[in-house]
Amino acid sequence: MLRTVKKGVNMRRKLYGCPFWPDIQCAMFRWISDINDGEDVQYQILERDTTIAELEHEKKMLEVKIKKLQVKKENLEEDLQEFKTELGQIRIELLRCSRNEKSFSMALLFSWIFFVFLLFNLK
């Protein structure tokens, strides 16, 4: 991989180094001025091959991440459908309860009216 020195006496000097440096301590290192044209082409090819390998690895990682997200999306869609079904059932139950409450209220009202009617008739 082509690098440029940023500090020290060799500042701005270009070199070829290991693409995994500093994560891996690697001795692969050549100053650009020390390389002849044939080696320069070989290093350029090596650098491009390394870049391609890194991009392919990144692509595979992204594909795995996409698959995981698709599975997660499918699970969430299933959960959403279950929640919609449950919400529909709750609404139906709420309507039933509302009807029962109205019926109970009417029954209570008529029982009070009947009670009042009985009180006036028994006097």
PDB file of N, CA and C in Angstrom:
ATOM      1  N   MET A   1       0.851  -1.166   0.000  1.00  0.00           N
ATOM      2  CA  MET A   1       0.000   0.000   0.000  1.00  0.00           C
ATOM      3  C   MET A   1       0.900   1.233   0.000  1.00  0.00           C
ATOM      4  N   LEU A   2       0.561   2.200  -0.807  1.00  0.00           N
ATOM      5  CA  LEU A   2       1.343   3.420  -0.907  1.00  0.00           C
ATOM      6  C   LEU A   2       1.040   4.307   0.295  1.00  0.00           C
ATOM      7  N   ARG A   3       2.091   4.747   0.951  1.00  0.00           N
ATOM      8  CA  ARG A   3       1.947   5.594   2.145  1.00  0.00           C
ATOM      9  C   ARG A   3       2.875   6.794   2.014  1.00  0.00           C
ATOM     10  N   THR A   4       2.609   7.824   2.813  1.00  0.00           N
ATOM     11  CA  THR A   4       3.451   9.015   2.858  1.00  0.00           C
ATOM     12  C   THR A   4       3.806   9.278   4.315  1.00  0.00           C
ATOM     13  N   VAL A   5       5.091   9.530   4.575  1.00  0.00           N
ATOM     14  CA  VAL A   5       5.559   9.825   5.924  1.00  0.00           C
ATOM     15  C   VAL A   5       5.050  11.208   6.301  1.00  0.00           C
ATOM     16  N   LYS A   6       4.491  11.335   7.502  1.00  0.00           N
ATOM     17  CA  LYS A   6       3.890  12.606   7.926  1.00  0.00           C
ATOM     18  C   LYS A   6       4.731  13.368   8.939  1.00  0.00           C
ATOM     19  N   LYS A   7       5.710  12.703   9.574  1.00  0.00           N
ATOM     20  CA  LYS A   7       6.541  13.366  10.593  1.00  0.00           C
ATOM     21  C   LYS A   7       7.986  12.923  10.435  1.00  0.00           C
ATOM     22  N   GLY A   8       8.868  13.717  10.984  1.00  0.00           N
ATOM     23  CA  GLY A   8      10.280  13.320  11.056  1.00  0.00           C
ATOM     24  C   GLY A   8      11.092  13.756   9.852  1.00  0.00           C
ATOM     25  N   VAL A   9      12.300  13.189   9.761  1.00  0.00           N
ATOM     26  CA  VAL A   9      13.236  13.592   8.712  1.00  0.00           C
ATOM     27  C   VAL A   9      12.776  13.127   7.336  1.00  0.00           C
ATOM     28  N   ASN A  10      11.996  12.103   7.256  1.00  0.00           N
ATOM     29  CA  ASN A  10      11.521  11.591   5.968  1.00  0.00           C
ATOM     30  C   ASN A  10      10.131  12.107   5.606  1.00  0.00           C
ATOM     31  N   MET A  11       9.755  13.231   6.208  1.00  0.00           N
ATOM     32  CA  MET A  11       8.426  13.785   6.003  1.00  0.00           C
ATOM     33  C   MET A  11       8.175  13.990   4.498  1.00  0.00           C
ATOM     34  N   ARG A  12       6.966  13.611   4.057  1.00  0.00           N
ATOM     35  CA  ARG A  12       6.494  13.695   2.680  1.00  0.00           C
ATOM     36  C   ARG A  12       7.157  12.689   1.744  1.00  0.00           C
ATOM     37  N   ARG A  13       7.976  11.835   2.278  1.00  0.00           N
ATOM     38  CA  ARG A  13       8.610  10.824   1.447  1.00  0.00           C
ATOM     39  C   ARG A  13       7.638   9.646   1.297  1.00  0.00           C
ATOM     40  N   LYS A  14       7.548   9.094   0.103  1.00  0.00           N
ATOM     41  CA  LYS A  14       6.588   8.033  -0.185  1.00  0.00           C
ATOM     42  C   LYS A  14       7.259   6.669  -0.048  1.00  0.00           C
ATOM     43  N   LEU A  15       6.448   5.703   0.410  1.00  0.00           N
ATOM     44  CA  LEU A  15       6.951   4.354   0.578  1.00  0.00           C
ATOM     45  C   LEU A  15       5.818   3.361   0.358  1.00  0.00           C
ATOM     46  N   TYR A  16       6.187   2.119   0.079  1.00  0.00           N
ATOM     47  CA  TYR A  16       5.232   1.027   0.024  1.00  0.00           C
ATOM     48  C   TYR A  16       5.358   0.246   1.319  1.00  0.00           C
ATOM     49  N   GLY A  17       4.195   0.012   1.971  1.00  0.00           N
ATOM     50  CA  GLY A  17       4.200  -0.716   3.225  1.00  0.00           C
ATOM     51  C   GLY A  17       3.042  -1.692   3.291  1.00  0.00           C
ATOM     52  N   CYS A  18       3.047  -2.463   4.331  1.00  0.00           N
ATOM     53  CA  CYS A  18       2.012  -3.467   4.557  1.00  0.00           C
ATOM     54  C   CYS A  18       0.655  -2.772   4.724  1.00  0.00           C
ATOM     55  N   PRO A  19      -0.401  -3.253   4.048  1.00  0.00           N
ATOM     56  CA  PRO A  19      -1.719  -2.618   4.161  1.00  0.00           C
ATOM     57  C   PRO A  19      -2.358  -2.820   5.532  1.00  0.00           C
ATOM     58  N   PHE A  20      -1.855  -3.767   6.290  1.00  0.00           N
ATOM     59  CA  PHE A  20      -2.437  -4.047   7.605  1.00  0.00           C
ATOM     60  C   PHE A  20      -1.694  -3.363   8.739  1.00  0.00           C
ATOM     61  N   TRP A  21      -0.652  -2.585   8.419  1.00  0.00           N
ATOM     62  CA  TRP A  21       0.088  -1.860   9.430  1.00  0.00           C
ATOM     63  C   TRP A  21      -0.795  -0.754   9.960  1.00  0.00           C
ATOM     64  N   PRO A  22      -0.880  -0.391  11.175  1.00  0.00           N
ATOM     65  CA  PRO A  22      -0.116  -0.801  12.343  1.00  0.00           C
ATOM     66  C   PRO A  22      -0.753  -1.941  13.123  1.00  0.00           C
ATOM     67  N   ASP A  23      -1.894  -2.478  12.632  1.00  0.00           N
ATOM     68  CA  ASP A  23      -2.550  -3.569  13.358  1.00  0.00           C
ATOM     69  C   ASP A  23      -1.668  -4.806  13.436  1.00  0.00           C
ATOM     70  N   ILE A  24      -0.946  -5.064  12.363  1.00  0.00           N
ATOM     71  CA  ILE A  24      -0.041  -6.215  12.327  1.00  0.00           C
ATOM     72  C   ILE A  24       1.366  -5.675  12.105  1.00  0.00           C
ATOM     73  N   GLN A  25       2.287  -6.105  12.931  1.00  0.00           N
ATOM     74  CA  GLN A  25       3.676  -5.678  12.765  1.00  0.00           C
ATOM     75  C   GLN A  25       4.281  -6.456  11.603  1.00  0.00           C
ATOM     76  N   CYS A  26       4.473  -5.764  10.506  1.00  0.00           N
ATOM     77  CA  CYS A  26       4.940  -6.398   9.281  1.00  0.00           C
ATOM     78  C   CYS A  26       6.212  -5.688   8.833  1.00  0.00           C
ATOM     79  N   ALA A  27       7.155  -6.432   8.292  1.00  0.00           N
ATOM     80  CA  ALA A  27       8.431  -5.852   7.873  1.00  0.00           C
ATOM     81  C   ALA A  27       8.407  -5.416   6.411  1.00  0.00           C
ATOM     82  N   MET A  28       7.281  -5.575   5.733  1.00  0.00           N
ATOM     83  CA  MET A  28       7.213  -5.179   4.328  1.00  0.00           C
ATOM     84  C   MET A  28       7.278  -3.662   4.239  1.00  0.00           C
ATOM     85  N   PHE A  29       8.353  -3.159   3.552  1.00  0.00           N
ATOM     86  CA  PHE A  29       8.584  -1.731   3.542  1.00  0.00           C
ATOM     87  C   PHE A  29       9.602  -1.421   2.462  1.00  0.00           C
ATOM     88  N   ARG A  30       9.300  -0.480   1.585  1.00  0.00           N
ATOM     89  CA  ARG A  30      10.274  -0.038   0.577  1.00  0.00           C
ATOM     90  C   ARG A  30      10.027   1.424   0.253  1.00  0.00           C
ATOM     91  N   TRP A  31      11.103   2.194   0.216  1.00  0.00           N
ATOM     92  CA  TRP A  31      11.007   3.575  -0.221  1.00  0.00           C
ATOM     93  C   TRP A  31      10.774   3.574  -1.726  1.00  0.00           C
ATOM     94  N   ILE A  32      10.012   4.521  -2.215  1.00  0.00           N
ATOM     95  CA  ILE A  32       9.720   4.589  -3.649  1.00  0.00           C
ATOM     96  C   ILE A  32      11.012   4.805  -4.436  1.00  0.00           C
ATOM     97  N   SER A  33      11.932   5.591  -3.921  1.00  0.00           N
ATOM     98  CA  SER A  33      13.178   5.873  -4.641  1.00  0.00           C
ATOM     99  C   SER A  33      14.066   4.635  -4.745  1.00  0.00           C
ATOM    100  N   ASP A  34      13.878   3.621  -3.881  1.00  0.00           N
ATOM    101  CA  ASP A  34      14.686   2.400  -3.899  1.00  0.00           C
ATOM    102  C   ASP A  34      14.160   1.358  -4.868  1.00  0.00           C
ATOM    103  N   ILE A  35      13.051   1.624  -5.530  1.00  0.00           N
ATOM    104  CA  ILE A  35      12.390   0.625  -6.348  1.00  0.00           C
ATOM    105  C   ILE A  35      12.608   0.942  -7.821  1.00  0.00           C
ATOM    106  N   ASN A  36      12.952  -0.085  -8.594  1.00  0.00           N
ATOM    107  CA  ASN A  36      13.078   0.143 -10.036  1.00  0.00           C
ATOM    108  C   ASN A  36      11.705   0.008 -10.678  1.00  0.00           C
ATOM    109  N   ASP A  37      11.612   0.263 -11.962  1.00  0.00           N
ATOM    110  CA  ASP A  37      10.313   0.294 -12.646  1.00  0.00           C
ATOM    111  C   ASP A  37       9.573  -1.039 -12.574  1.00  0.00           C
ATOM    112  N   GLY A  38      10.268  -2.155 -12.717  1.00  0.00           N
ATOM    113  CA  GLY A  38       9.624  -3.468 -12.651  1.00  0.00           C
ATOM    114  C   GLY A  38       9.028  -3.723 -11.287  1.00  0.00           C
ATOM    115  N   GLU A  39       9.792  -3.421 -10.251  1.00  0.00           N
ATOM    116  CA  GLU A  39       9.278  -3.611  -8.887  1.00  0.00           C
ATOM    117  C   GLU A  39       8.136  -2.639  -8.608  1.00  0.00           C
ATOM    118  N   ASP A  40       8.229  -1.435  -9.182  1.00  0.00           N
ATOM    119  CA  ASP A  40       7.175  -0.444  -8.982  1.00  0.00           C
ATOM    120  C   ASP A  40       5.849  -0.973  -9.531  1.00  0.00           C
ATOM    121  N   VAL A  41       5.889  -1.566 -10.707  1.00  0.00           N
ATOM    122  CA  VAL A  41       4.680  -2.130 -11.293  1.00  0.00           C
ATOM    123  C   VAL A  41       4.172  -3.286 -10.437  1.00  0.00           C
ATOM    124  N   GLN A  42       5.086  -4.123  -9.941  1.00  0.00           N
ATOM    125  CA  GLN A  42       4.682  -5.240  -9.091  1.00  0.00           C
ATOM    126  C   GLN A  42       4.006  -4.726  -7.822  1.00  0.00           C
ATOM    127  N   TYR A  43       4.563  -3.682  -7.235  1.00  0.00           N
ATOM    128  CA  TYR A  43       3.960  -3.127  -6.025  1.00  0.00           C
ATOM    129  C   TYR A  43       2.614  -2.483  -6.333  1.00  0.00           C
ATOM    130  N   GLN A  44       2.485  -1.845  -7.473  1.00  0.00           N
ATOM    131  CA  GLN A  44       1.188  -1.268  -7.842  1.00  0.00           C
ATOM    132  C   GLN A  44       0.143  -2.369  -8.018  1.00  0.00           C
ATOM    133  N   ILE A  45       0.558  -3.458  -8.663  1.00  0.00           N
ATOM    134  CA  ILE A  45      -0.359  -4.593  -8.821  1.00  0.00           C
ATOM    135  C   ILE A  45      -0.719  -5.170  -7.455  1.00  0.00           C
ATOM    136  N   LEU A  46       0.283  -5.327  -6.601  1.00  0.00           N
ATOM    137  CA  LEU A  46       0.033  -5.843  -5.251  1.00  0.00           C
ATOM    138  C   LEU A  46      -0.903  -4.925  -4.486  1.00  0.00           C
ATOM    139  N   GLU A  47      -0.696  -3.633  -4.629  1.00  0.00           N
ATOM    140  CA  GLU A  47      -1.554  -2.663  -3.934  1.00  0.00           C
ATOM    141  C   GLU A  47      -2.984  -2.760  -4.438  1.00  0.00           C
ATOM    142  N   ARG A  48      -3.157  -2.879  -5.738  1.00  0.00           N
ATOM    143  CA  ARG A  48      -4.510  -2.989  -6.292  1.00  0.00           C
ATOM    144  C   ARG A  48      -5.158  -4.310  -5.884  1.00  0.00           C
ATOM    145  N   ASP A  49      -4.383  -5.391  -5.897  1.00  0.00           N
ATOM    146  CA  ASP A  49      -4.916  -6.682  -5.451  1.00  0.00           C
ATOM    147  C   ASP A  49      -5.352  -6.622  -3.997  1.00  0.00           C
ATOM    148  N   THR A  50      -4.551  -5.946  -3.188  1.00  0.00           N
ATOM    149  CA  THR A  50      -4.898  -5.790  -1.775  1.00  0.00           C
ATOM    150  C   THR A  50      -6.180  -4.986  -1.627  1.00  0.00           C
ATOM    151  N   THR A  51      -6.296  -3.918  -2.388  1.00  0.00           N
ATOM    152  CA  THR A  51      -7.505  -3.095  -2.338  1.00  0.00           C
ATOM    153  C   THR A  51      -8.722  -3.910  -2.761  1.00  0.00           C
ATOM    154  N   ILE A  52      -8.567  -4.687  -3.814  1.00  0.00           N
ATOM    155  CA  ILE A  52      -9.671  -5.531  -4.282  1.00  0.00           C
ATOM    156  C   ILE A  52     -10.062  -6.543  -3.209  1.00  0.00           C
ATOM    157  N   ALA A  53      -9.067  -7.172  -2.586  1.00  0.00           N
ATOM    158  CA  ALA A  53      -9.348  -8.151  -1.523  1.00  0.00           C
ATOM    159  C   ALA A  53     -10.069  -7.487  -0.352  1.00  0.00           C
ATOM    160  N   GLU A  54      -9.631  -6.292   0.017  1.00  0.00           N
ATOM    161  CA  GLU A  54     -10.288  -5.579   1.120  1.00  0.00           C
ATOM    162  C   GLU A  54     -11.725  -5.242   0.754  1.00  0.00           C
ATOM    163  N   LEU A  55     -11.968  -4.790  -0.483  1.00  0.00           N
ATOM    164  CA  LEU A  55     -13.320  -4.449  -0.905  1.00  0.00           C
ATOM    165  C   LEU A  55     -14.212  -5.695  -0.980  1.00  0.00           C
ATOM    166  N   GLU A  56     -13.656  -6.813  -1.438  1.00  0.00           N
ATOM    167  CA  GLU A  56     -14.436  -8.053  -1.467  1.00  0.00           C
ATOM    168  C   GLU A  56     -14.803  -8.505  -0.064  1.00  0.00           C
ATOM    169  N   HIS A  57     -13.860  -8.361   0.861  1.00  0.00           N
ATOM    170  CA  HIS A  57     -14.143  -8.717   2.259  1.00  0.00           C
ATOM    171  C   HIS A  57     -15.239  -7.810   2.820  1.00  0.00           C
ATOM    172  N   GLU A  58     -15.131  -6.527   2.547  1.00  0.00           N
ATOM    173  CA  GLU A  58     -16.143  -5.579   3.028  1.00  0.00           C
ATOM    174  C   GLU A  58     -17.501  -5.899   2.406  1.00  0.00           C
ATOM    175  N   LYS A  59     -17.505  -6.282   1.119  1.00  0.00           N
ATOM    176  CA  LYS A  59     -18.747  -6.648   0.451  1.00  0.00           C
ATOM    177  C   LYS A  59     -19.388  -7.854   1.120  1.00  0.00           C
ATOM    178  N   LYS A  60     -18.578  -8.879   1.432  1.00  0.00           N
ATOM    179  CA  LYS A  60     -19.107 -10.067   2.105  1.00  0.00           C
ATOM    180  C   LYS A  60     -19.688  -9.715   3.464  1.00  0.00           C
ATOM    181  N   MET A  61     -18.977  -8.848   4.196  1.00  0.00           N
ATOM    182  CA  MET A  61     -19.475  -8.437   5.520  1.00  0.00           C
ATOM    183  C   MET A  61     -20.808  -7.701   5.378  1.00  0.00           C
ATOM    184  N   LEU A  62     -20.924  -6.848   4.378  1.00  0.00           N
ATOM    185  CA  LEU A  62     -22.170  -6.117   4.157  1.00  0.00           C
ATOM    186  C   LEU A  62     -23.294  -7.053   3.730  1.00  0.00           C
ATOM    187  N   GLU A  63     -22.977  -8.070   2.925  1.00  0.00           N
ATOM    188  CA  GLU A  63     -23.994  -9.045   2.537  1.00  0.00           C
ATOM    189  C   GLU A  63     -24.513  -9.805   3.743  1.00  0.00           C
ATOM    190  N   VAL A  64     -23.615 -10.183   4.640  1.00  0.00           N
ATOM    191  CA  VAL A  64     -24.028 -10.879   5.871  1.00  0.00           C
ATOM    192  C   VAL A  64     -24.914  -9.961   6.704  1.00  0.00           C
ATOM    193  N   LYS A  65     -24.523  -8.704   6.805  1.00  0.00           N
ATOM    194  CA  LYS A  65     -25.305  -7.732   7.582  1.00  0.00           C
ATOM    195  C   LYS A  65     -26.689  -7.544   6.948  1.00  0.00           C
ATOM    196  N   ILE A  66     -26.744  -7.501   5.616  1.00  0.00           N
ATOM    197  CA  ILE A  66     -28.027  -7.357   4.923  1.00  0.00           C
ATOM    198  C   ILE A  66     -28.921  -8.557   5.208  1.00  0.00           C
ATOM    199  N   LYS A  67     -28.356  -9.764   5.170  1.00  0.00           N
ATOM    200  CA  LYS A  67     -29.151 -10.965   5.454  1.00  0.00           C
ATOM    201  C   LYS A  67     -29.705 -10.933   6.870  1.00  0.00           C
ATOM    202  N   LYS A  68     -28.872 -10.524   7.826  1.00  0.00           N
ATOM    203  CA  LYS A  68     -29.341 -10.433   9.215  1.00  0.00           C
ATOM    204  C   LYS A  68     -30.467  -9.420   9.337  1.00  0.00           C
ATOM    205  N   LEU A  69     -30.317  -8.268   8.660  1.00  0.00           N
ATOM    206  CA  LEU A  69     -31.355  -7.239   8.721  1.00  0.00           C
ATOM    207  C   LEU A  69     -32.641  -7.705   8.039  1.00  0.00           C
ATOM    208  N   GLN A  70     -32.527  -8.489   6.962  1.00  0.00           N
ATOM    209  CA  GLN A  70     -33.721  -9.019   6.303  1.00  0.00           C
ATOM    210  C   GLN A  70     -34.468  -9.985   7.221  1.00  0.00           C
ATOM    211  N   VAL A  71     -33.725 -10.839   7.920  1.00  0.00           N
ATOM    212  CA  VAL A  71     -34.364 -11.766   8.863  1.00  0.00           C
ATOM    213  C   VAL A  71     -35.048 -10.978   9.980  1.00  0.00           C
ATOM    214  N   LYS A  72     -34.359  -9.961  10.468  1.00  0.00           N
ATOM    215  CA  LYS A  72     -34.937  -9.121  11.528  1.00  0.00           C
ATOM    216  C   LYS A  72     -36.198  -8.421  11.022  1.00  0.00           C
ATOM    217  N   LYS A  73     -36.153  -7.925   9.789  1.00  0.00           N
ATOM    218  CA  LYS A  73     -37.315  -7.264   9.202  1.00  0.00           C
ATOM    219  C   LYS A  73     -38.488  -8.232   9.096  1.00  0.00           C
ATOM    220  N   GLU A  74     -38.227  -9.459   8.624  1.00  0.00           N
ATOM    221  CA  GLU A  74     -39.288 -10.455   8.509  1.00  0.00           C
ATOM    222  C   GLU A  74     -39.897 -10.770   9.873  1.00  0.00           C
ATOM    223  N   ASN A  75     -39.053 -10.895  10.890  1.00  0.00           N
ATOM    224  CA  ASN A  75     -39.557 -11.161  12.243  1.00  0.00           C
ATOM    225  C   ASN A  75     -40.418 -10.007  12.739  1.00  0.00           C
ATOM    226  N   LEU A  76     -39.975  -8.782  12.475  1.00  0.00           N
ATOM    227  CA  LEU A  76     -40.752  -7.620  12.898  1.00  0.00           C
ATOM    228  C   LEU A  76     -42.078  -7.532  12.150  1.00  0.00           C
ATOM    229  N   GLU A  77     -42.069  -7.904  10.862  1.00  0.00           N
ATOM    230  CA  GLU A  77     -43.321  -7.902  10.103  1.00  0.00           C
ATOM    231  C   GLU A  77     -44.292  -8.936  10.663  1.00  0.00           C
ATOM    232  N   GLU A  78     -43.775 -10.111  11.052  1.00  0.00           N
ATOM    233  CA  GLU A  78     -44.627 -11.133  11.667  1.00  0.00           C
ATOM    234  C   GLU A  78     -45.192 -10.625  12.990  1.00  0.00           C
ATOM    235  N   ASP A  79     -44.351  -9.989  13.797  1.00  0.00           N
ATOM    236  CA  ASP A  79     -44.816  -9.432  15.073  1.00  0.00           C
ATOM    237  C   ASP A  79     -45.890  -8.369  14.836  1.00  0.00           C
ATOM    238  N   LEU A  80     -45.674  -7.524  13.819  1.00  0.00           N
ATOM    239  CA  LEU A  80     -46.644  -6.479  13.499  1.00  0.00           C
ATOM    240  C   LEU A  80     -47.987  -7.091  13.115  1.00  0.00           C
ATOM    241  N   GLN A  81     -47.962  -8.141  12.318  1.00  0.00           N
ATOM    242  CA  GLN A  81     -49.199  -8.806  11.915  1.00  0.00           C
ATOM    243  C   GLN A  81     -49.913  -9.401  13.126  1.00  0.00           C
ATOM    244  N   GLU A  82     -49.143 -10.004  14.045  1.00  0.00           N
ATOM    245  CA  GLU A  82     -49.734 -10.549  15.270  1.00  0.00           C
ATOM    246  C   GLU A  82     -50.372  -9.442  16.106  1.00  0.00           C
ATOM    247  N   PHE A  83     -49.695  -8.299  16.205  1.00  0.00           N
ATOM    248  CA  PHE A  83     -50.240  -7.171  16.964  1.00  0.00           C
ATOM    249  C   PHE A  83     -51.513  -6.638  16.324  1.00  0.00           C
ATOM    250  N   LYS A  84     -51.547  -6.594  14.992  1.00  0.00           N
ATOM    251  CA  LYS A  84     -52.763  -6.131  14.314  1.00  0.00           C
ATOM    252  C   LYS A  84     -53.929  -7.071  14.599  1.00  0.00           C
ATOM    253  N   THR A  85     -53.660  -8.376  14.548  1.00  0.00           N
ATOM    254  CA  THR A  85     -54.703  -9.362  14.834  1.00  0.00           C
ATOM    255  C   THR A  85     -55.198  -9.207  16.268  1.00  0.00           C
ATOM    256  N   GLU A  86     -54.260  -9.068  17.184  1.00  0.00           N
ATOM    257  CA  GLU A  86     -54.621  -8.906  18.599  1.00  0.00           C
ATOM    258  C   GLU A  86     -55.403  -7.610  18.820  1.00  0.00           C
ATOM    259  N   LEU A  87     -55.011  -6.538  18.136  1.00  0.00           N
ATOM    260  CA  LEU A  87     -55.717  -5.269  18.262  1.00  0.00           C
ATOM    261  C   LEU A  87     -57.152  -5.404  17.758  1.00  0.00           C
ATOM    262  N   GLY A  88     -57.346  -6.118  16.653  1.00  0.00           N
ATOM    263  CA  GLY A  88     -58.698  -6.350  16.139  1.00  0.00           C
ATOM    264  C   GLY A  88     -59.558  -7.109  17.143  1.00  0.00           C
ATOM    265  N   GLN A  89     -58.956  -8.119  17.786  1.00  0.00           N
ATOM    266  CA  GLN A  89     -59.691  -8.889  18.790  1.00  0.00           C
ATOM    267  C   GLN A  89     -60.038  -8.019  19.995  1.00  0.00           C
ATOM    268  N   ILE A  90     -59.133  -7.151  20.387  1.00  0.00           N
ATOM    269  CA  ILE A  90     -59.397  -6.257  21.526  1.00  0.00           C
ATOM    270  C   ILE A  90     -60.521  -5.283  21.187  1.00  0.00           C
ATOM    271  N   ARG A  91     -60.540  -4.783  19.952  1.00  0.00           N
ATOM    272  CA  ARG A  91     -61.612  -3.865  19.542  1.00  0.00           C
ATOM    273  C   ARG A  91     -62.969  -4.568  19.578  1.00  0.00           C
ATOM    274  N   ILE A  92     -63.009  -5.802  19.088  1.00  0.00           N
ATOM    275  CA  ILE A  92     -64.266  -6.569  19.113  1.00  0.00           C
ATOM    276  C   ILE A  92     -64.730  -6.772  20.553  1.00  0.00           C
ATOM    277  N   GLU A  93     -63.791  -7.129  21.425  1.00  0.00           N
ATOM    278  CA  GLU A  93     -64.134  -7.323  22.842  1.00  0.00           C
ATOM    279  C   GLU A  93     -64.623  -6.021  23.475  1.00  0.00           C
ATOM    280  N   LEU A  94     -64.009  -4.913  23.104  1.00  0.00           N
ATOM    281  CA  LEU A  94     -64.421  -3.612  23.623  1.00  0.00           C
ATOM    282  C   LEU A  94     -65.840  -3.274  23.177  1.00  0.00           C
ATOM    283  N   LEU A  95     -66.151  -3.570  21.924  1.00  0.00           N
ATOM    284  CA  LEU A  95     -67.516  -3.332  21.441  1.00  0.00           C
ATOM    285  C   LEU A  95     -68.522  -4.196  22.200  1.00  0.00           C
ATOM    286  N   ARG A  96     -68.166  -5.454  22.434  1.00  0.00           N
ATOM    287  CA  ARG A  96     -69.050  -6.345  23.200  1.00  0.00           C
ATOM    288  C   ARG A  96     -69.277  -5.801  24.609  1.00  0.00           C
ATOM    289  N   CYS A  97     -68.192  -5.369  25.233  1.00  0.00           N
ATOM    290  CA  CYS A  97     -68.309  -4.816  26.594  1.00  0.00           C
ATOM    291  C   CYS A  97     -69.171  -3.561  26.593  1.00  0.00           C
ATOM    292  N   SER A  98     -69.020  -2.731  25.580  1.00  0.00           N
ATOM    293  CA  SER A  98     -69.816  -1.513  25.486  1.00  0.00           C
ATOM    294  C   SER A  98     -71.292  -1.850  25.350  1.00  0.00           C
ATOM    295  N   ARG A  99     -71.598  -2.849  24.520  1.00  0.00           N
ATOM    296  CA  ARG A  99     -72.994  -3.278  24.373  1.00  0.00           C
ATOM    297  C   ARG A  99     -73.532  -3.841  25.680  1.00  0.00           C
ATOM    298  N   ASN A 100     -72.722  -4.645  26.353  1.00  0.00           N
ATOM    299  CA  ASN A 100     -73.148  -5.215  27.639  1.00  0.00           C
ATOM    300  C   ASN A 100     -73.389  -4.112  28.658  1.00  0.00           C
ATOM    301  N   GLU A 101     -72.546  -3.088  28.647  1.00  0.00           N
ATOM    302  CA  GLU A 101     -72.695  -1.982  29.594  1.00  0.00           C
ATOM    303  C   GLU A 101     -74.006  -1.232  29.326  1.00  0.00           C
ATOM    304  N   LYS A 102     -74.307  -1.019  28.044  1.00  0.00           N
ATOM    305  CA  LYS A 102     -75.565  -0.340  27.704  1.00  0.00           C
ATOM    306  C   LYS A 102     -76.760  -1.181  28.136  1.00  0.00           C
ATOM    307  N   SER A 103     -76.681  -2.470  27.914  1.00  0.00           N
ATOM    308  CA  SER A 103     -77.784  -3.368  28.307  1.00  0.00           C
ATOM    309  C   SER A 103     -77.952  -3.366  29.818  1.00  0.00           C
ATOM    310  N   PHE A 104     -76.843  -3.398  30.520  1.00  0.00           N
ATOM    311  CA  PHE A 104     -76.906  -3.376  31.979  1.00  0.00           C
ATOM    312  C   PHE A 104     -77.498  -2.061  32.481  1.00  0.00           C
ATOM    313  N   SER A 105     -77.087  -0.975  31.867  1.00  0.00           N
ATOM    314  CA  SER A 105     -77.618   0.338  32.268  1.00  0.00           C
ATOM    315  C   SER A 105     -79.123   0.409  32.035  1.00  0.00           C
ATOM    316  N   MET A 106     -79.564  -0.094  30.890  1.00  0.00           N
ATOM    317  CA  MET A 106     -80.996  -0.082  30.605  1.00  0.00           C
ATOM    318  C   MET A 106     -81.754  -0.965  31.606  1.00  0.00           C
ATOM    319  N   ALA A 107     -81.198  -2.127  31.918  1.00  0.00           N
ATOM    320  CA  ALA A 107     -81.853  -3.022  32.882  1.00  0.00           C
ATOM    321  C   ALA A 107     -81.938  -2.359  34.246  1.00  0.00           C
ATOM    322  N   LEU A 108     -80.877  -1.694  34.638  1.00  0.00           N
ATOM    323  CA  LEU A 108     -80.874  -0.998  35.928  1.00  0.00           C
ATOM    324  C   LEU A 108     -81.912   0.123  35.941  1.00  0.00           C
ATOM    325  N   LEU A 109     -81.982   0.870  34.871  1.00  0.00           N
ATOM    326  CA  LEU A 109     -82.952   1.965  34.772  1.00  0.00           C
ATOM    327  C   LEU A 109     -84.379   1.425  34.875  1.00  0.00           C
ATOM    328  N   PHE A 110     -84.684   0.369  34.129  1.00  0.00           N
ATOM    329  CA  PHE A 110     -86.033  -0.201  34.184  1.00  0.00           C
ATOM    330  C   PHE A 110     -86.347  -0.788  35.561  1.00  0.00           C
ATOM    331  N   SER A 111     -85.337  -1.385  36.204  1.00  0.00           N
ATOM    332  CA  SER A 111     -85.600  -1.936  37.542  1.00  0.00           C
ATOM    333  C   SER A 111     -85.927  -0.816  38.524  1.00  0.00           C
ATOM    334  N   TRP A 112     -85.252   0.339  38.414  1.00  0.00           N
ATOM    335  CA  TRP A 112     -85.557   1.470  39.298  1.00  0.00           C
ATOM    336  C   TRP A 112     -86.951   2.030  38.991  1.00  0.00           C
ATOM    337  N   ILE A 113     -87.262   2.112  37.718  1.00  0.00           N
ATOM    338  CA  ILE A 113     -88.601   2.596  37.351  1.00  0.00           C
ATOM    339  C   ILE A 113     -89.665   1.641  37.894  1.00  0.00           C
ATOM    340  N   PHE A 114     -89.436   0.344  37.753  1.00  0.00           N
ATOM    341  CA  PHE A 114     -90.367  -0.647  38.267  1.00  0.00           C
ATOM    342  C   PHE A 114     -90.479  -0.545  39.789  1.00  0.00           C
ATOM    343  N   PHE A 115     -89.328  -0.334  40.465  1.00  0.00           N
ATOM    344  CA  PHE A 115     -89.326  -0.189  41.921  1.00  0.00           C
ATOM    345  C   PHE A 115     -90.134   1.036  42.340  1.00  0.00           C
ATOM    346  N   VAL A 116     -89.934   2.147  41.654  1.00  0.00           N
ATOM    347  CA  VAL A 116     -90.685   3.367  41.976  1.00  0.00           C
ATOM    348  C   VAL A 116     -92.176   3.132  41.719  1.00  0.00           C
ATOM    349  N   PHE A 117     -92.494   2.501  40.628  1.00  0.00           N
ATOM    350  CA  PHE A 117     -93.878   2.188  40.308  1.00  0.00           C
ATOM    351  C   PHE A 117     -94.513   1.318  41.401  1.00  0.00           C
ATOM    352  N   LEU A 118     -93.758   0.321  41.901  1.00  0.00           N
ATOM    353  CA  LEU A 118     -94.257  -0.532  42.976  1.00  0.00           C
ATOM    354  C   LEU A 118     -94.471   0.242  44.263  1.00  0.00           C
ATOM    355  N   LEU A 119     -93.558   1.136  44.560  1.00  0.00           N
ATOM    356  CA  LEU A 119     -93.719   1.941  45.772  1.00  0.00           C
ATOM    357  C   LEU A 119     -94.972   2.797  45.735  1.00  0.00           C
ATOM    358  N   PHE A 120     -95.251   3.406  44.579  1.00  0.00           N
ATOM    359  CA  PHE A 120     -96.444   4.254  44.476  1.00  0.00           C
ATOM    360  C   PHE A 120     -97.724   3.411  44.471  1.00  0.00           C
ATOM    361  N   ASN A 121     -97.673   2.246  43.963  1.00  0.00           N
ATOM    362  CA  ASN A 121     -98.878   1.400  43.910  1.00  0.00           C
ATOM    363  C   ASN A 121     -99.148   0.749  45.268  1.00  0.00           C
ATOM    364  N   LEU A 122     -98.142   0.505  46.062  1.00  0.00           N
ATOM    365  CA  LEU A 122     -98.350  -0.098  47.355  1.00  0.00           C
ATOM    366  C   LEU A 122     -98.812   0.911  48.415  1.00  0.00           C
ATOM    367  N   LYS A 123     -98.717   2.141  48.193  1.00  0.00           N
ATOM    368  CA  LYS A 123     -99.131   3.149  49.181  1.00  0.00           C
ATOM    369  C   LYS A 123    -100.550   3.321  49.217  1.00  0.00           C
TER     370      LYS A 123
END
